[in-house]
Amino acid sequence: MDSSHHPASDHLDRTAFQLERLILFTDAVFAIAITLLVIEIKVPELQQRTEQAAANGLLHLIPKFIGFFISFFVIAIYWVAHHRIFRFVRRLDTRLIWLNLLFLLAIVLIPFTTACQSEYFELRTPWVLYSLNVMLAGFLQAGMQAYLRHRTHGLTHGHEHAHPDLDLFRPITSPLVFGLSILLAFFLPGMLLRLVPAVAFPLLGILHGRRHHRLSTAYARLVQVHATPRAEA
């Protein structure tokens, strides 16, 4: 009889397997969504095979490329955020799984809303639709992150709920930026609205870096406080 198997280790193996399945599924959805972005950019059909016609055809694709690059980095930011917060997950529950699925629902909509706002580059309404899509993804990420860091749910270990990578300020800023662009849609032409995230996100990157450094210092002190009683014992 093999005595090397223990119920506790079997449970840990099943938990790790379930978590791995969720992460692999999520990565696949992100990969498909980010690939679908470029599928919307078609090679221009030239009436005449001349340099001028080729240049004009490529110029007409500029709005689509702008939409592609914006959405590529939006999806990339959300993937990095998902990777960052799920490294703290120690076990799954049904609510977290559904929160993750709802988050992915918002992600898979981005290629459609990107195509819409890129096709009608000069209009405000497609951009508003796109911004609402990105805001939905941001709010769902924030909700999932808030659920993760809640102590009573027991999804993270000990004091990890206070880790700066689980700070709720970061996921809220993206919806705020695109919410601002919706307000500006009443005053600015559609083409200028694309500048809002292009200008805001680099500035937010600096702000997040400084905030993360400050929170990391506070978290290091918290870890030290938790470790001191063990060392004394």
Protein backbone atom coordinates (compact mmCIF):
# COMPACT_ATOMS: atom_id res chain seq x y z
CA MET A 1 0.00 0.00 0.00
CA ASP A 2 1.36 3.39 -1.01
CA SER A 3 1.41 5.72 1.98
CA SER A 4 2.95 8.65 0.10
CA HIS A 5 -0.44 10.14 -0.81
CA HIS A 6 -2.11 12.32 1.77
CA PRO A 7 -5.53 14.00 1.56
CA ALA A 8 -3.97 17.42 2.22
CA SER A 9 -1.48 17.11 -0.65
CA ASP A 10 -4.18 15.80 -2.99
CA HIS A 11 -6.33 18.82 -2.14
CA LEU A 12 -3.42 21.16 -2.86
CA ASP A 13 -2.80 19.45 -6.18
CA ARG A 14 -6.45 19.83 -7.21
CA THR A 15 -6.48 23.49 -6.15
CA ALA A 16 -3.32 24.22 -8.14
CA PHE A 17 -4.74 22.39 -11.17
CA GLN A 18 -8.01 24.34 -11.04
CA LEU A 19 -6.15 27.63 -10.71
CA GLU A 20 -3.88 26.72 -13.61
CA ARG A 21 -6.92 25.90 -15.78
CA LEU A 22 -8.46 29.28 -15.04
CA ILE A 23 -5.25 31.15 -15.83
CA LEU A 24 -4.65 29.20 -19.06
CA PHE A 25 -8.22 29.83 -20.20
CA THR A 26 -7.86 33.52 -19.41
CA ASP A 27 -4.55 33.76 -21.30
CA ALA A 28 -6.17 32.08 -24.33
CA VAL A 29 -9.03 34.60 -24.33
CA PHE A 30 -6.59 37.51 -24.10
CA ALA A 31 -4.49 36.06 -26.93
CA ILE A 32 -7.54 35.68 -29.18
CA ALA A 33 -8.81 39.18 -28.38
CA ILE A 34 -5.47 40.82 -29.10
CA THR A 35 -5.12 38.84 -32.35
CA LEU A 36 -8.58 39.83 -33.55
CA LEU A 37 -7.52 43.48 -33.39
CA VAL A 38 -5.15 43.17 -36.34
CA ILE A 39 -7.57 41.07 -38.40
CA GLU A 40 -9.71 44.19 -38.81
CA ILE A 41 -6.86 45.91 -40.69
CA LYS A 42 -7.23 44.84 -44.29
CA VAL A 43 -4.65 45.33 -47.02
CA PRO A 44 -5.93 48.22 -49.17
CA GLU A 45 -7.30 47.32 -52.60
CA LEU A 46 -5.67 49.48 -55.25
CA GLN A 47 -7.56 50.55 -58.35
CA GLN A 48 -4.22 51.30 -59.96
CA ARG A 49 -0.86 49.78 -59.06
CA THR A 50 0.96 53.07 -58.60
CA GLU A 51 3.00 54.51 -55.76
CA GLN A 52 0.46 57.29 -55.28
CA ALA A 53 -2.43 54.83 -55.02
CA ALA A 54 -0.47 52.69 -52.55
CA ALA A 55 0.35 55.73 -50.40
CA ASN A 56 -3.29 56.89 -50.44
CA GLY A 57 -4.49 53.41 -49.53
CA LEU A 58 -2.14 53.25 -46.54
CA LEU A 59 -3.13 56.75 -45.43
CA HIS A 60 -6.75 55.62 -45.27
CA LEU A 61 -5.65 52.91 -42.83
CA ILE A 62 -4.21 55.38 -40.31
CA PRO A 63 -7.43 55.52 -38.20
CA LYS A 64 -7.47 51.72 -38.04
CA PHE A 65 -3.83 51.59 -36.97
CA ILE A 66 -4.47 54.21 -34.28
CA GLY A 67 -7.41 52.17 -32.99
CA PHE A 68 -5.28 49.02 -33.12
CA PHE A 69 -2.40 50.49 -31.11
CA ILE A 70 -4.68 52.01 -28.48
CA SER A 71 -6.55 48.72 -27.98
CA PHE A 72 -3.40 46.62 -28.12
CA PHE A 73 -1.97 48.50 -25.16
CA VAL A 74 -5.33 48.59 -23.36
CA ILE A 75 -5.65 44.79 -23.58
CA ALA A 76 -1.96 44.38 -22.73
CA ILE A 77 -2.39 46.52 -19.60
CA TYR A 78 -5.36 44.43 -18.50
CA TRP A 79 -3.46 41.18 -19.13
CA VAL A 80 -0.48 42.39 -17.10
CA ALA A 81 -2.86 43.46 -14.32
CA HIS A 82 -4.53 40.04 -14.34
CA HIS A 83 -1.13 38.35 -14.18
CA ARG A 84 -0.09 40.67 -11.36
CA ILE A 85 -3.09 40.04 -9.10
CA PHE A 86 -3.59 36.32 -9.74
CA ARG A 87 -0.15 35.44 -8.44
CA PHE A 88 -1.62 36.09 -4.99
CA VAL A 89 -4.52 33.66 -5.45
CA ARG A 90 -4.17 30.57 -3.28
CA ARG A 91 -7.54 29.00 -3.97
CA LEU A 92 -10.63 29.56 -6.14
CA ASP A 93 -14.29 29.90 -5.34
CA THR A 94 -17.32 30.11 -7.61
CA ARG A 95 -17.73 33.86 -7.25
CA LEU A 96 -14.14 34.56 -8.29
CA ILE A 97 -14.55 32.33 -11.34
CA TRP A 98 -17.66 34.23 -12.43
CA LEU A 99 -16.04 37.59 -11.78
CA ASN A 100 -13.18 36.48 -14.01
CA LEU A 101 -15.61 35.36 -16.74
CA LEU A 102 -17.45 38.68 -16.65
CA PHE A 103 -14.12 40.46 -16.91
CA LEU A 104 -13.26 38.37 -19.98
CA LEU A 105 -16.66 39.23 -21.46
CA ALA A 106 -15.62 42.88 -21.49
CA ILE A 107 -12.22 41.97 -22.96
CA VAL A 108 -13.63 39.98 -25.92
CA LEU A 109 -15.89 42.92 -26.81
CA ILE A 110 -12.91 45.23 -27.32
CA PRO A 111 -12.08 44.04 -30.89
CA PHE A 112 -15.66 44.86 -31.97
CA THR A 113 -15.79 48.30 -30.36
CA THR A 114 -12.28 48.99 -31.67
CA ALA A 115 -13.38 48.18 -35.22
CA CYS A 116 -16.42 50.40 -34.76
CA GLN A 117 -14.54 53.46 -33.53
CA SER A 118 -11.78 52.95 -36.11
CA GLU A 119 -14.24 52.68 -39.02
CA TYR A 120 -16.07 55.85 -37.99
CA PHE A 121 -13.05 57.75 -36.78
CA GLU A 122 -14.56 61.20 -37.13
CA LEU A 123 -17.69 60.42 -35.08
CA ARG A 124 -18.14 60.68 -31.33
CA THR A 125 -20.71 57.92 -30.71
CA PRO A 126 -18.42 54.99 -31.67
CA TRP A 127 -15.74 56.37 -29.36
CA VAL A 128 -18.25 56.65 -26.52
CA LEU A 129 -19.21 53.00 -27.09
CA TYR A 130 -15.55 51.98 -27.06
CA SER A 131 -14.87 53.99 -23.91
CA LEU A 132 -17.83 52.37 -22.13
CA ASN A 133 -16.40 48.97 -23.09
CA VAL A 134 -12.98 49.81 -21.62
CA MET A 135 -14.60 51.30 -18.52
CA LEU A 136 -16.62 48.11 -18.02
CA ALA A 137 -13.44 46.03 -18.16
CA GLY A 138 -11.78 48.36 -15.66
CA PHE A 139 -14.64 48.27 -13.18
CA LEU A 140 -14.86 44.47 -13.41
CA GLN A 141 -11.13 44.18 -12.81
CA ALA A 142 -11.45 46.48 -9.80
CA GLY A 143 -14.36 44.38 -8.49
CA MET A 144 -12.38 41.17 -8.91
CA GLN A 145 -9.38 42.74 -7.21
CA ALA A 146 -11.52 44.02 -4.32
CA TYR A 147 -12.96 40.54 -3.88
CA LEU A 148 -9.46 39.04 -3.86
CA ARG A 149 -8.08 41.37 -1.22
CA HIS A 150 -11.03 40.93 1.16
CA ARG A 151 -9.69 39.06 4.19
CA THR A 152 -12.85 37.09 4.96
CA HIS A 153 -12.81 35.37 1.56
CA GLY A 154 -9.51 33.70 2.35
CA LEU A 155 -8.25 33.73 -1.23
CA THR A 156 -4.85 35.20 -0.39
CA HIS A 157 -2.36 34.39 2.34
CA GLY A 158 -2.15 36.38 5.56
CA HIS A 159 -1.26 40.01 5.05
CA GLU A 160 -0.96 39.77 1.23
CA HIS A 161 -4.27 41.59 0.89
CA ALA A 162 -2.30 44.76 1.69
CA HIS A 163 0.29 44.18 -1.05
CA PRO A 164 0.68 47.26 -3.32
CA ASP A 165 -0.03 45.14 -6.40
CA LEU A 166 -3.57 44.70 -5.07
CA ASP A 167 -4.07 48.45 -4.63
CA LEU A 168 -7.51 49.43 -5.97
CA PHE A 169 -6.37 52.84 -7.19
CA ARG A 170 -4.62 51.39 -10.25
CA PRO A 171 -7.63 49.60 -11.88
CA ILE A 172 -9.91 52.57 -11.24
CA THR A 173 -7.75 55.05 -13.15
CA SER A 174 -8.40 53.52 -16.58
CA PRO A 175 -12.21 53.93 -16.32
CA LEU A 176 -11.62 57.48 -15.10
CA VAL A 177 -9.52 58.32 -18.17
CA PHE A 178 -12.07 56.95 -20.62
CA GLY A 179 -14.91 58.49 -18.61
CA LEU A 180 -13.16 61.83 -19.03
CA SER A 181 -12.96 61.24 -22.78
CA ILE A 182 -16.74 60.66 -22.85
CA LEU A 183 -17.28 64.03 -21.17
CA LEU A 184 -14.89 65.67 -23.63
CA ALA A 185 -16.84 64.09 -26.51
CA PHE A 186 -19.43 66.84 -26.05
CA PHE A 187 -16.79 69.48 -26.78
CA LEU A 188 -14.09 67.90 -28.94
CA PRO A 189 -14.23 66.33 -32.41
CA GLY A 190 -13.98 62.56 -32.59
CA MET A 191 -10.42 62.56 -33.93
CA LEU A 192 -9.06 64.47 -30.92
CA LEU A 193 -10.64 62.11 -28.40
CA ARG A 194 -7.98 59.50 -29.21
CA LEU A 195 -5.39 61.82 -27.72
CA VAL A 196 -6.93 61.57 -24.23
CA PRO A 197 -5.62 58.06 -23.39
CA ALA A 198 -2.43 58.70 -25.37
CA VAL A 199 -1.61 61.65 -23.10
CA ALA A 200 -3.13 60.36 -19.85
CA PHE A 201 -1.60 56.89 -19.63
CA PRO A 202 2.08 57.94 -19.67
CA LEU A 203 1.32 60.47 -16.92
CA LEU A 204 -0.58 57.82 -14.95
CA GLY A 205 2.37 55.48 -15.35
CA ILE A 206 4.54 58.00 -13.48
CA LEU A 207 1.85 58.46 -10.81
CA HIS A 208 1.42 54.70 -10.36
CA GLY A 209 5.17 54.23 -10.04
CA ARG A 210 5.43 56.77 -7.24
CA ARG A 211 2.37 55.41 -5.45
CA HIS A 212 3.63 51.84 -5.78
CA HIS A 213 6.98 52.83 -4.27
CA ARG A 214 5.25 54.48 -1.30
CA LEU A 215 2.92 51.52 -0.73
CA SER A 216 5.82 49.06 -1.08
CA THR A 217 7.65 50.82 1.72
CA ALA A 218 4.56 50.62 3.95
CA TYR A 219 4.04 46.96 3.02
CA ALA A 220 7.66 46.10 3.86
CA ARG A 221 7.13 47.54 7.33
CA LEU A 222 3.93 45.49 7.68
CA VAL A 223 5.77 42.29 6.71
CA GLN A 224 8.49 43.07 9.21
CA VAL A 225 5.93 43.55 11.97
CA HIS A 226 4.33 40.18 11.15
CA ALA A 227 7.71 38.46 11.01
CA THR A 228 9.02 39.82 14.32
CA PRO A 229 6.80 37.71 16.64
CA ARG A 230 7.79 34.54 14.77
CA ALA A 231 11.47 35.37 15.13
CA GLU A 232 11.04 36.00 18.85
CA ALA A 233 9.14 32.72 19.26
